[in-house]
Amino acid sequence: MSVALIDVGSNTIRLSVYMIEGDGSFERLLSKKITAGLAAYVDDEGALSPEGIDCACEALRYLGTIVDHLQVDDVHVFATASLRNVTNSQEALAAIEQRTGRTVELVSGKEEALLGFSSFRHECSLDRGVLTDIGGGSSEIVCFEHDNPVFADSLKIGSLKLYETCVDKILPTKKELKSMEKLVKGLLDDAGIKKMGTYEVLCGIGGTARAVCKLVNHLCRRERGTNEFSVSDLELLHEVLYAGQDTAREIVLRICPDRVHTITPGFVIFEALAHRFGVERILVSQSGVREGYLYERVIGK
């Protein structure tokens, strides 16, 4: 059976097409993303603007033509922080569904965190740790022990949202870096995360974690595809990204140019979590919320 998942995120809208076998195993056949940047269309009242709704509809119609052309058996469209954290969520959902003909499932913050955990535990075997998925509009956190989640939450801040809130131009100044750190620290305090204790391993899923891993591998001259590094490696990347705009621009444009404006805000969140939980090493997974959705909403049923 072929299944298409369209993930309407705050920064990108992604289409993934999978072939599921009878035993529940699957293979990803196609992946397509559109950098829509819906978080940039949120007005001062916290609502997704008409232009943002237009942008979402245009992307969904385009990806829908691909799905229709491929004659996929089953199609699921879901939205995360892009529509979850806006004040006109239901109105925006209704408008998008009416104009595209696609039913959009709204995934809550806790559900998104647990879907990410599901994808990770199917790929990696780890008894205890903390998992994070730093998206464009939110950051999901799951603490797990004995292969079971003991804490799951979603912060209403992601790489694009943090950029839009704190950064004036493309790359942050030192003053803006301090502002981002202060904002993230406050959100972590409000979520009660400082009471969660320490964990040896931080597990990262999603685009921000993968980009951080690529940057670390480049700096440490490791083979591409290496998915584990230490906190000291993270501190080395901190020095480069905080050294000045010219130094940061050079490495980001070389390794992850599509994230030139969001990778540093995403790194600020990632590093804050690593320090808050006192981790010693970082493990990055290639799976993410879409694979978790596939496991829980499609294969699981």
C-alpha atoms as a PDB file:
ATOM      1  CA  MET A   1       0.000   0.000   0.000  1.00  0.00           C
ATOM      2  CA  SER A   2       1.276   3.479  -0.847  1.00  0.00           C
ATOM      3  CA  VAL A   3       0.742   6.297   1.664  1.00  0.00           C
ATOM      4  CA  ALA A   4       1.366  10.024   1.302  1.00  0.00           C
ATOM      5  CA  LEU A   5       1.886  12.289   4.307  1.00  0.00           C
ATOM      6  CA  ILE A   6       1.825  16.075   3.983  1.00  0.00           C
ATOM      7  CA  ASP A   7       3.206  17.832   7.047  1.00  0.00           C
ATOM      8  CA  VAL A   8       2.183  21.500   7.253  1.00  0.00           C
ATOM      9  CA  GLY A   9       4.917  23.017   9.414  1.00  0.00           C
ATOM     10  CA  SER A  10       5.757  26.582  10.405  1.00  0.00           C
ATOM     11  CA  ASN A  11       8.813  26.777   8.157  1.00  0.00           C
ATOM     12  CA  THR A  12       8.358  24.024   5.561  1.00  0.00           C
ATOM     13  CA  ILE A  13       5.482  22.021   4.123  1.00  0.00           C
ATOM     14  CA  ARG A  14       6.715  18.530   3.343  1.00  0.00           C
ATOM     15  CA  LEU A  15       5.374  15.658   1.282  1.00  0.00           C
ATOM     16  CA  SER A  16       6.644  12.131   1.942  1.00  0.00           C
ATOM     17  CA  VAL A  17       5.388   9.105   0.005  1.00  0.00           C
ATOM     18  CA  TYR A  18       5.919   5.636   1.479  1.00  0.00           C
ATOM     19  CA  MET A  19       5.355   2.057   0.359  1.00  0.00           C
ATOM     20  CA  ILE A  20       4.144  -0.092   3.256  1.00  0.00           C
ATOM     21  CA  GLU A  21       4.634  -3.852   3.094  1.00  0.00           C
ATOM     22  CA  GLY A  22       2.354  -6.463   4.609  1.00  0.00           C
ATOM     23  CA  ASP A  23       4.654  -6.981   7.617  1.00  0.00           C
ATOM     24  CA  GLY A  24       4.485  -3.281   8.546  1.00  0.00           C
ATOM     25  CA  SER A  25       7.896  -2.372   7.177  1.00  0.00           C
ATOM     26  CA  PHE A  26       8.056   0.607   4.836  1.00  0.00           C
ATOM     27  CA  GLU A  27      10.267   2.441   2.392  1.00  0.00           C
ATOM     28  CA  ARG A  28      10.187   6.127   1.597  1.00  0.00           C
ATOM     29  CA  LEU A  29       9.790   6.554  -2.144  1.00  0.00           C
ATOM     30  CA  LEU A  30       9.650  10.328  -2.486  1.00  0.00           C
ATOM     31  CA  SER A  31      10.295  13.439  -0.440  1.00  0.00           C
ATOM     32  CA  LYS A  32       9.443  16.996  -1.468  1.00  0.00           C
ATOM     33  CA  LYS A  33       9.518  20.162   0.599  1.00  0.00           C
ATOM     34  CA  ILE A  34       8.321  23.712   0.073  1.00  0.00           C
ATOM     35  CA  THR A  35       9.804  26.437   2.263  1.00  0.00           C
ATOM     36  CA  ALA A  36       6.583  28.310   2.929  1.00  0.00           C
ATOM     37  CA  GLY A  37       7.653  30.119   6.115  1.00  0.00           C
ATOM     38  CA  LEU A  38       4.116  30.308   7.513  1.00  0.00           C
ATOM     39  CA  ALA A  39       5.418  31.622  10.845  1.00  0.00           C
ATOM     40  CA  ALA A  40       6.378  34.824   9.043  1.00  0.00           C
ATOM     41  CA  TYR A  41       2.694  35.397   8.143  1.00  0.00           C
ATOM     42  CA  VAL A  42       1.491  35.607  11.747  1.00  0.00           C
ATOM     43  CA  ASP A  43       0.291  39.132  12.571  1.00  0.00           C
ATOM     44  CA  ASP A  44       0.602  41.129  15.802  1.00  0.00           C
ATOM     45  CA  GLU A  45      -2.609  39.549  17.144  1.00  0.00           C
ATOM     46  CA  GLY A  46      -1.178  36.071  16.628  1.00  0.00           C
ATOM     47  CA  ALA A  47      -3.404  35.202  13.670  1.00  0.00           C
ATOM     48  CA  LEU A  48      -2.325  33.632  10.392  1.00  0.00           C
ATOM     49  CA  SER A  49      -2.851  36.352   7.796  1.00  0.00           C
ATOM     50  CA  PRO A  50      -4.860  35.897   4.568  1.00  0.00           C
ATOM     51  CA  GLU A  51      -1.530  35.886   2.716  1.00  0.00           C
ATOM     52  CA  GLY A  52      -0.354  33.039   4.932  1.00  0.00           C
ATOM     53  CA  ILE A  53      -3.526  31.075   4.209  1.00  0.00           C
ATOM     54  CA  ASP A  54      -2.978  31.721   0.486  1.00  0.00           C
ATOM     55  CA  CYS A  55       0.590  30.435   0.800  1.00  0.00           C
ATOM     56  CA  ALA A  56      -0.529  27.255   2.579  1.00  0.00           C
ATOM     57  CA  CYS A  57      -3.243  26.609  -0.010  1.00  0.00           C
ATOM     58  CA  GLU A  58      -0.854  27.109  -2.919  1.00  0.00           C
ATOM     59  CA  ALA A  59       1.641  24.645  -1.431  1.00  0.00           C
ATOM     60  CA  LEU A  60      -1.041  22.044  -0.677  1.00  0.00           C
ATOM     61  CA  ARG A  61      -2.522  22.292  -4.158  1.00  0.00           C
ATOM     62  CA  TYR A  62       0.919  21.803  -5.717  1.00  0.00           C
ATOM     63  CA  LEU A  63       1.805  18.826  -3.514  1.00  0.00           C
ATOM     64  CA  GLY A  64      -1.701  17.456  -4.068  1.00  0.00           C
ATOM     65  CA  THR A  65      -1.125  17.332  -7.826  1.00  0.00           C
ATOM     66  CA  ILE A  66       1.954  15.185  -7.217  1.00  0.00           C
ATOM     67  CA  VAL A  67      -0.032  12.826  -4.990  1.00  0.00           C
ATOM     68  CA  ASP A  68      -2.850  12.588  -7.535  1.00  0.00           C
ATOM     69  CA  HIS A  69      -0.425  11.944 -10.385  1.00  0.00           C
ATOM     70  CA  LEU A  70       1.197   9.104  -8.432  1.00  0.00           C
ATOM     71  CA  GLN A  71      -2.232   7.622  -7.635  1.00  0.00           C
ATOM     72  CA  VAL A  72      -1.336   7.088  -3.980  1.00  0.00           C
ATOM     73  CA  ASP A  73      -3.644   4.728  -2.083  1.00  0.00           C
ATOM     74  CA  ASP A  74      -3.950   6.738   1.134  1.00  0.00           C
ATOM     75  CA  VAL A  75      -3.305  10.450   1.826  1.00  0.00           C
ATOM     76  CA  HIS A  76      -2.986  12.152   5.219  1.00  0.00           C
ATOM     77  CA  VAL A  77      -2.493  15.884   5.752  1.00  0.00           C
ATOM     78  CA  PHE A  78      -1.643  17.160   9.222  1.00  0.00           C
ATOM     79  CA  ALA A  79      -0.557  20.483  10.695  1.00  0.00           C
ATOM     80  CA  THR A  80       1.561  21.185  13.746  1.00  0.00           C
ATOM     81  CA  ALA A  81       2.587  24.539  15.270  1.00  0.00           C
ATOM     82  CA  SER A  82       1.902  26.362  11.991  1.00  0.00           C
ATOM     83  CA  LEU A  83      -1.859  26.209  12.654  1.00  0.00           C
ATOM     84  CA  ARG A  84      -1.884  25.021  16.265  1.00  0.00           C
ATOM     85  CA  ASN A  85      -0.334  28.154  17.756  1.00  0.00           C
ATOM     86  CA  VAL A  86      -2.289  30.816  15.866  1.00  0.00           C
ATOM     87  CA  THR A  87      -5.343  32.556  17.297  1.00  0.00           C
ATOM     88  CA  ASN A  88      -7.493  31.857  14.220  1.00  0.00           C
ATOM     89  CA  SER A  89      -6.628  28.182  14.016  1.00  0.00           C
ATOM     90  CA  GLN A  90     -10.100  26.855  13.263  1.00  0.00           C
ATOM     91  CA  GLU A  91     -10.891  29.580  10.734  1.00  0.00           C
ATOM     92  CA  ALA A  92      -7.601  28.981   8.924  1.00  0.00           C
ATOM     93  CA  LEU A  93      -8.157  25.217   8.890  1.00  0.00           C
ATOM     94  CA  ALA A  94     -11.659  25.618   7.479  1.00  0.00           C
ATOM     95  CA  ALA A  95     -10.472  27.998   4.755  1.00  0.00           C
ATOM     96  CA  ILE A  96      -7.611  25.726   3.728  1.00  0.00           C
ATOM     97  CA  GLU A  97      -9.824  22.644   3.623  1.00  0.00           C
ATOM     98  CA  GLN A  98     -12.513  24.436   1.611  1.00  0.00           C
ATOM     99  CA  ARG A  99     -10.056  25.809  -0.948  1.00  0.00           C
ATOM    100  CA  THR A 100      -7.880  22.692  -1.376  1.00  0.00           C
ATOM    101  CA  GLY A 101     -10.343  19.864  -0.768  1.00  0.00           C
ATOM    102  CA  ARG A 102      -7.896  18.349   1.703  1.00  0.00           C
ATOM    103  CA  THR A 103      -8.893  17.538   5.286  1.00  0.00           C
ATOM    104  CA  VAL A 104      -6.153  18.780   7.610  1.00  0.00           C
ATOM    105  CA  GLU A 105      -5.658  17.062  10.970  1.00  0.00           C
ATOM    106  CA  LEU A 106      -4.447  19.379  13.715  1.00  0.00           C
ATOM    107  CA  VAL A 107      -1.851  17.640  15.887  1.00  0.00           C
ATOM    108  CA  SER A 108      -1.488  18.924  19.455  1.00  0.00           C
ATOM    109  CA  GLY A 109       1.897  19.760  20.948  1.00  0.00           C
ATOM    110  CA  LYS A 110       1.970  16.708  23.204  1.00  0.00           C
ATOM    111  CA  GLU A 111       0.826  14.455  20.356  1.00  0.00           C
ATOM    112  CA  GLU A 112       3.598  15.822  18.145  1.00  0.00           C
ATOM    113  CA  ALA A 113       6.170  15.149  20.862  1.00  0.00           C
ATOM    114  CA  LEU A 114       4.974  11.557  21.303  1.00  0.00           C
ATOM    115  CA  LEU A 115       4.866  10.931  17.534  1.00  0.00           C
ATOM    116  CA  GLY A 116       8.494  12.029  17.375  1.00  0.00           C
ATOM    117  CA  PHE A 117       9.322   9.674  20.231  1.00  0.00           C
ATOM    118  CA  SER A 118       7.581   6.809  18.440  1.00  0.00           C
ATOM    119  CA  SER A 119       9.700   7.341  15.331  1.00  0.00           C
ATOM    120  CA  PHE A 120      12.892   7.455  17.396  1.00  0.00           C
ATOM    121  CA  ARG A 121      12.234   4.311  19.427  1.00  0.00           C
ATOM    122  CA  HIS A 122      11.584   2.328  16.226  1.00  0.00           C
ATOM    123  CA  GLU A 123      14.958   3.386  14.841  1.00  0.00           C
ATOM    124  CA  CYS A 124      17.179   3.511  17.947  1.00  0.00           C
ATOM    125  CA  SER A 125      17.422   1.381  21.041  1.00  0.00           C
ATOM    126  CA  LEU A 126      18.016   3.529  24.125  1.00  0.00           C
ATOM    127  CA  ASP A 127      16.693   2.935  27.617  1.00  0.00           C
ATOM    128  CA  ARG A 128      16.902   6.471  28.998  1.00  0.00           C
ATOM    129  CA  GLY A 129      17.360   9.935  27.555  1.00  0.00           C
ATOM    130  CA  VAL A 130      15.734  13.155  26.442  1.00  0.00           C
ATOM    131  CA  LEU A 131      14.400  13.675  22.928  1.00  0.00           C
ATOM    132  CA  THR A 132      13.912  16.979  21.137  1.00  0.00           C
ATOM    133  CA  ASP A 133      12.468  18.020  17.804  1.00  0.00           C
ATOM    134  CA  ILE A 134      13.137  21.705  17.099  1.00  0.00           C
ATOM    135  CA  GLY A 135      10.819  22.811  14.338  1.00  0.00           C
ATOM    136  CA  GLY A 136      10.068  26.213  12.877  1.00  0.00           C
ATOM    137  CA  GLY A 137       7.279  27.196  15.268  1.00  0.00           C
ATOM    138  CA  SER A 138       7.672  24.885  18.257  1.00  0.00           C
ATOM    139  CA  SER A 139      10.145  22.633  20.033  1.00  0.00           C
ATOM    140  CA  GLU A 140       9.007  19.255  21.324  1.00  0.00           C
ATOM    141  CA  ILE A 141      10.653  17.613  24.337  1.00  0.00           C
ATOM    142  CA  VAL A 142      10.239  14.069  25.651  1.00  0.00           C
ATOM    143  CA  CYS A 143      12.052  12.616  28.667  1.00  0.00           C
ATOM    144  CA  PHE A 144      11.969   8.827  28.647  1.00  0.00           C
ATOM    145  CA  GLU A 145      13.039   6.045  30.982  1.00  0.00           C
ATOM    146  CA  HIS A 146      12.833   2.283  30.449  1.00  0.00           C
ATOM    147  CA  ASP A 147      11.696   3.018  26.886  1.00  0.00           C
ATOM    148  CA  ASN A 148       8.608   4.912  28.121  1.00  0.00           C
ATOM    149  CA  PRO A 149       7.941   8.672  28.101  1.00  0.00           C
ATOM    150  CA  VAL A 150       7.777  10.231  31.572  1.00  0.00           C
ATOM    151  CA  PHE A 151       7.463  13.826  30.358  1.00  0.00           C
ATOM    152  CA  ALA A 152       6.249  15.241  27.035  1.00  0.00           C
ATOM    153  CA  ASP A 153       5.691  18.895  26.217  1.00  0.00           C
ATOM    154  CA  SER A 154       5.856  21.412  23.389  1.00  0.00           C
ATOM    155  CA  LEU A 155       7.422  24.862  23.719  1.00  0.00           C
ATOM    156  CA  LYS A 156       5.797  27.595  21.639  1.00  0.00           C
ATOM    157  CA  ILE A 157       9.142  28.572  20.157  1.00  0.00           C
ATOM    158  CA  GLY A 158      11.080  27.131  17.239  1.00  0.00           C
ATOM    159  CA  SER A 159      13.934  28.185  14.997  1.00  0.00           C
ATOM    160  CA  LEU A 160      11.857  30.379  12.664  1.00  0.00           C
ATOM    161  CA  LYS A 161       9.683  31.806  15.449  1.00  0.00           C
ATOM    162  CA  LEU A 162      12.795  32.682  17.488  1.00  0.00           C
ATOM    163  CA  TYR A 163      14.351  34.306  14.424  1.00  0.00           C
ATOM    164  CA  GLU A 164      11.224  36.355  13.732  1.00  0.00           C
ATOM    165  CA  THR A 165      11.058  37.454  17.376  1.00  0.00           C
ATOM    166  CA  CYS A 166      14.680  38.392  18.011  1.00  0.00           C
ATOM    167  CA  VAL A 167      16.671  38.885  14.798  1.00  0.00           C
ATOM    168  CA  ASP A 168      16.489  42.019  12.664  1.00  0.00           C
ATOM    169  CA  LYS A 169      18.553  40.957   9.642  1.00  0.00           C
ATOM    170  CA  ILE A 170      19.746  37.546   8.386  1.00  0.00           C
ATOM    171  CA  LEU A 171      22.294  36.549  11.032  1.00  0.00           C
ATOM    172  CA  PRO A 172      21.974  37.577  14.690  1.00  0.00           C
ATOM    173  CA  THR A 173      24.226  40.103  16.363  1.00  0.00           C
ATOM    174  CA  LYS A 174      25.796  39.323  19.741  1.00  0.00           C
ATOM    175  CA  LYS A 175      23.065  41.351  21.436  1.00  0.00           C
ATOM    176  CA  GLU A 176      20.385  39.381  19.589  1.00  0.00           C
ATOM    177  CA  LEU A 177      22.060  36.107  20.568  1.00  0.00           C
ATOM    178  CA  LYS A 178      21.766  37.139  24.221  1.00  0.00           C
ATOM    179  CA  SER A 179      18.100  38.026  23.698  1.00  0.00           C
ATOM    180  CA  MET A 180      17.420  34.592  22.198  1.00  0.00           C
ATOM    181  CA  GLU A 181      19.192  32.840  25.068  1.00  0.00           C
ATOM    182  CA  LYS A 182      17.173  34.793  27.638  1.00  0.00           C
ATOM    183  CA  LEU A 183      13.871  34.052  25.900  1.00  0.00           C
ATOM    184  CA  VAL A 184      14.582  30.319  25.610  1.00  0.00           C
ATOM    185  CA  LYS A 185      15.739  30.107  29.236  1.00  0.00           C
ATOM    186  CA  GLY A 186      12.490  31.695  30.381  1.00  0.00           C
ATOM    187  CA  LEU A 187      10.377  29.274  28.356  1.00  0.00           C
ATOM    188  CA  LEU A 188      12.287  26.299  29.759  1.00  0.00           C
ATOM    189  CA  ASP A 189      11.789  27.610  33.289  1.00  0.00           C
ATOM    190  CA  ASP A 190       8.058  28.119  32.673  1.00  0.00           C
ATOM    191  CA  ALA A 191       7.768  24.531  31.403  1.00  0.00           C
ATOM    192  CA  GLY A 192       9.274  23.233  34.641  1.00  0.00           C
ATOM    193  CA  ILE A 193      12.137  21.558  32.804  1.00  0.00           C
ATOM    194  CA  LYS A 194      14.754  22.570  35.357  1.00  0.00           C
ATOM    195  CA  LYS A 195      13.094  20.099  37.747  1.00  0.00           C
ATOM    196  CA  MET A 196      13.430  17.123  35.413  1.00  0.00           C
ATOM    197  CA  GLY A 197      16.945  16.088  36.456  1.00  0.00           C
ATOM    198  CA  THR A 198      19.866  15.142  34.235  1.00  0.00           C
ATOM    199  CA  TYR A 199      20.115  12.757  31.310  1.00  0.00           C
ATOM    200  CA  GLU A 200      23.269  11.424  29.705  1.00  0.00           C
ATOM    201  CA  VAL A 201      21.975  11.449  26.120  1.00  0.00           C
ATOM    202  CA  LEU A 202      20.134  14.095  24.108  1.00  0.00           C
ATOM    203  CA  CYS A 203      18.413  12.598  21.073  1.00  0.00           C
ATOM    204  CA  GLY A 204      17.649  14.965  18.218  1.00  0.00           C
ATOM    205  CA  ILE A 205      15.159  14.426  15.401  1.00  0.00           C
ATOM    206  CA  GLY A 206      14.079  16.817  12.657  1.00  0.00           C
ATOM    207  CA  GLY A 207      15.861  19.262  10.395  1.00  0.00           C
ATOM    208  CA  THR A 208      17.524  21.453  13.038  1.00  0.00           C
ATOM    209  CA  ALA A 209      19.169  18.485  14.763  1.00  0.00           C
ATOM    210  CA  ARG A 210      20.360  17.068  11.446  1.00  0.00           C
ATOM    211  CA  ALA A 211      21.780  20.453  10.407  1.00  0.00           C
ATOM    212  CA  VAL A 212      23.620  20.816  13.729  1.00  0.00           C
ATOM    213  CA  CYS A 213      25.060  17.328  13.224  1.00  0.00           C
ATOM    214  CA  LYS A 214      26.258  18.220   9.708  1.00  0.00           C
ATOM    215  CA  LEU A 215      27.973  21.353  10.997  1.00  0.00           C
ATOM    216  CA  VAL A 216      29.679  19.441  13.815  1.00  0.00           C
ATOM    217  CA  ASN A 217      30.852  16.716  11.424  1.00  0.00           C
ATOM    218  CA  HIS A 218      32.335  19.376   9.139  1.00  0.00           C
ATOM    219  CA  LEU A 219      34.148  21.156  11.969  1.00  0.00           C
ATOM    220  CA  CYS A 220      35.479  17.898  13.435  1.00  0.00           C
ATOM    221  CA  ARG A 221      36.376  16.468  10.003  1.00  0.00           C
ATOM    222  CA  ARG A 222      34.212  13.403  10.513  1.00  0.00           C
ATOM    223  CA  GLU A 223      32.639  11.270   7.818  1.00  0.00           C
ATOM    224  CA  ARG A 224      29.295  12.388   6.484  1.00  0.00           C
ATOM    225  CA  GLY A 225      26.530  10.381   8.084  1.00  0.00           C
ATOM    226  CA  THR A 226      28.138  10.254  11.533  1.00  0.00           C
ATOM    227  CA  ASN A 227      25.197  10.698  13.882  1.00  0.00           C
ATOM    228  CA  GLU A 228      26.751  10.937  17.346  1.00  0.00           C
ATOM    229  CA  PHE A 229      28.910  13.593  18.966  1.00  0.00           C
ATOM    230  CA  SER A 230      29.823  14.983  22.379  1.00  0.00           C
ATOM    231  CA  VAL A 231      28.892  18.151  24.247  1.00  0.00           C
ATOM    232  CA  SER A 232      32.448  19.421  23.710  1.00  0.00           C
ATOM    233  CA  ASP A 233      31.794  19.166  19.946  1.00  0.00           C
ATOM    234  CA  LEU A 234      28.665  21.254  20.487  1.00  0.00           C
ATOM    235  CA  GLU A 235      30.753  23.863  22.322  1.00  0.00           C
ATOM    236  CA  LEU A 236      33.118  24.002  19.335  1.00  0.00           C
ATOM    237  CA  LEU A 237      30.187  24.840  17.058  1.00  0.00           C
ATOM    238  CA  HIS A 238      29.048  27.437  19.601  1.00  0.00           C
ATOM    239  CA  GLU A 239      32.388  29.231  19.263  1.00  0.00           C
ATOM    240  CA  VAL A 240      32.067  29.358  15.483  1.00  0.00           C
ATOM    241  CA  LEU A 241      28.434  30.520  15.354  1.00  0.00           C
ATOM    242  CA  TYR A 242      29.058  33.119  18.065  1.00  0.00           C
ATOM    243  CA  ALA A 243      32.402  34.343  16.645  1.00  0.00           C
ATOM    244  CA  GLY A 244      30.785  36.923  14.387  1.00  0.00           C
ATOM    245  CA  GLN A 245      28.460  37.174  11.434  1.00  0.00           C
ATOM    246  CA  ASP A 246      31.162  36.690   8.791  1.00  0.00           C
ATOM    247  CA  THR A 247      32.519  33.497  10.392  1.00  0.00           C
ATOM    248  CA  ALA A 248      29.036  32.066  10.940  1.00  0.00           C
ATOM    249  CA  ARG A 249      27.903  32.962   7.420  1.00  0.00           C
ATOM    250  CA  GLU A 250      30.833  31.118   5.816  1.00  0.00           C
ATOM    251  CA  ILE A 251      30.197  27.736   7.438  1.00  0.00           C
ATOM    252  CA  VAL A 252      26.396  27.911   7.285  1.00  0.00           C
ATOM    253  CA  LEU A 253      26.332  28.779   3.579  1.00  0.00           C
ATOM    254  CA  ARG A 254      28.720  25.921   2.897  1.00  0.00           C
ATOM    255  CA  ILE A 255      26.940  23.210   4.902  1.00  0.00           C
ATOM    256  CA  CYS A 256      23.248  24.144   5.230  1.00  0.00           C
ATOM    257  CA  PRO A 257      22.496  27.190   3.044  1.00  0.00           C
ATOM    258  CA  ASP A 258      18.735  26.578   3.119  1.00  0.00           C
ATOM    259  CA  ARG A 259      18.831  27.239   6.879  1.00  0.00           C
ATOM    260  CA  VAL A 260      21.007  30.352   6.805  1.00  0.00           C
ATOM    261  CA  HIS A 261      18.554  32.410   8.886  1.00  0.00           C
ATOM    262  CA  THR A 262      17.158  29.667  11.152  1.00  0.00           C
ATOM    263  CA  ILE A 263      20.113  27.442  12.064  1.00  0.00           C
ATOM    264  CA  THR A 264      21.599  29.783  14.694  1.00  0.00           C
ATOM    265  CA  PRO A 265      18.254  30.326  16.494  1.00  0.00           C
ATOM    266  CA  GLY A 266      17.691  26.562  16.283  1.00  0.00           C
ATOM    267  CA  PHE A 267      21.155  25.960  17.713  1.00  0.00           C
ATOM    268  CA  VAL A 268      20.415  28.300  20.631  1.00  0.00           C
ATOM    269  CA  ILE A 269      17.423  26.140  21.583  1.00  0.00           C
ATOM    270  CA  PHE A 270      19.347  22.894  21.019  1.00  0.00           C
ATOM    271  CA  GLU A 271      22.301  24.005  23.147  1.00  0.00           C
ATOM    272  CA  ALA A 272      20.033  25.320  25.908  1.00  0.00           C
ATOM    273  CA  LEU A 273      18.385  21.897  26.179  1.00  0.00           C
ATOM    274  CA  ALA A 274      21.751  20.125  26.242  1.00  0.00           C
ATOM    275  CA  HIS A 275      22.937  22.323  29.100  1.00  0.00           C
ATOM    276  CA  ARG A 276      19.636  22.217  30.984  1.00  0.00           C
ATOM    277  CA  PHE A 277      19.622  18.417  31.075  1.00  0.00           C
ATOM    278  CA  GLY A 278      23.369  18.107  31.666  1.00  0.00           C
ATOM    279  CA  VAL A 279      23.842  15.711  28.755  1.00  0.00           C
ATOM    280  CA  GLU A 280      27.227  14.265  27.793  1.00  0.00           C
ATOM    281  CA  ARG A 281      26.532  13.108  24.259  1.00  0.00           C
ATOM    282  CA  ILE A 282      24.105  13.778  21.424  1.00  0.00           C
ATOM    283  CA  LEU A 283      22.530  11.211  19.125  1.00  0.00           C
ATOM    284  CA  VAL A 284      20.786  12.373  15.934  1.00  0.00           C
ATOM    285  CA  SER A 285      18.125  10.270  14.212  1.00  0.00           C
ATOM    286  CA  GLN A 286      17.131  10.447  10.556  1.00  0.00           C
ATOM    287  CA  SER A 287      13.491   9.718  11.380  1.00  0.00           C
ATOM    288  CA  GLY A 288      10.969  12.295  12.524  1.00  0.00           C
ATOM    289  CA  VAL A 289       7.362  13.169  13.196  1.00  0.00           C
ATOM    290  CA  ARG A 290       6.185  11.912   9.775  1.00  0.00           C
ATOM    291  CA  GLU A 291       7.571   8.438  10.449  1.00  0.00           C
ATOM    292  CA  GLY A 292       6.001   8.550  13.901  1.00  0.00           C
ATOM    293  CA  TYR A 293       2.680   9.466  12.318  1.00  0.00           C
ATOM    294  CA  LEU A 294       3.079   6.562   9.926  1.00  0.00           C
ATOM    295  CA  TYR A 295       3.726   4.127  12.788  1.00  0.00           C
ATOM    296  CA  GLU A 296       0.938   5.358  15.035  1.00  0.00           C
ATOM    297  CA  ARG A 297      -1.805   6.591  12.690  1.00  0.00           C
ATOM    298  CA  VAL A 298      -1.407   4.265   9.705  1.00  0.00           C
ATOM    299  CA  ILE A 299       0.545   1.067  10.418  1.00  0.00           C
ATOM    300  CA  GLY A 300      -0.707   0.882  14.007  1.00  0.00           C
ATOM    301  CA  LYS A 301      -4.313   0.803  12.796  1.00  0.00           C
END
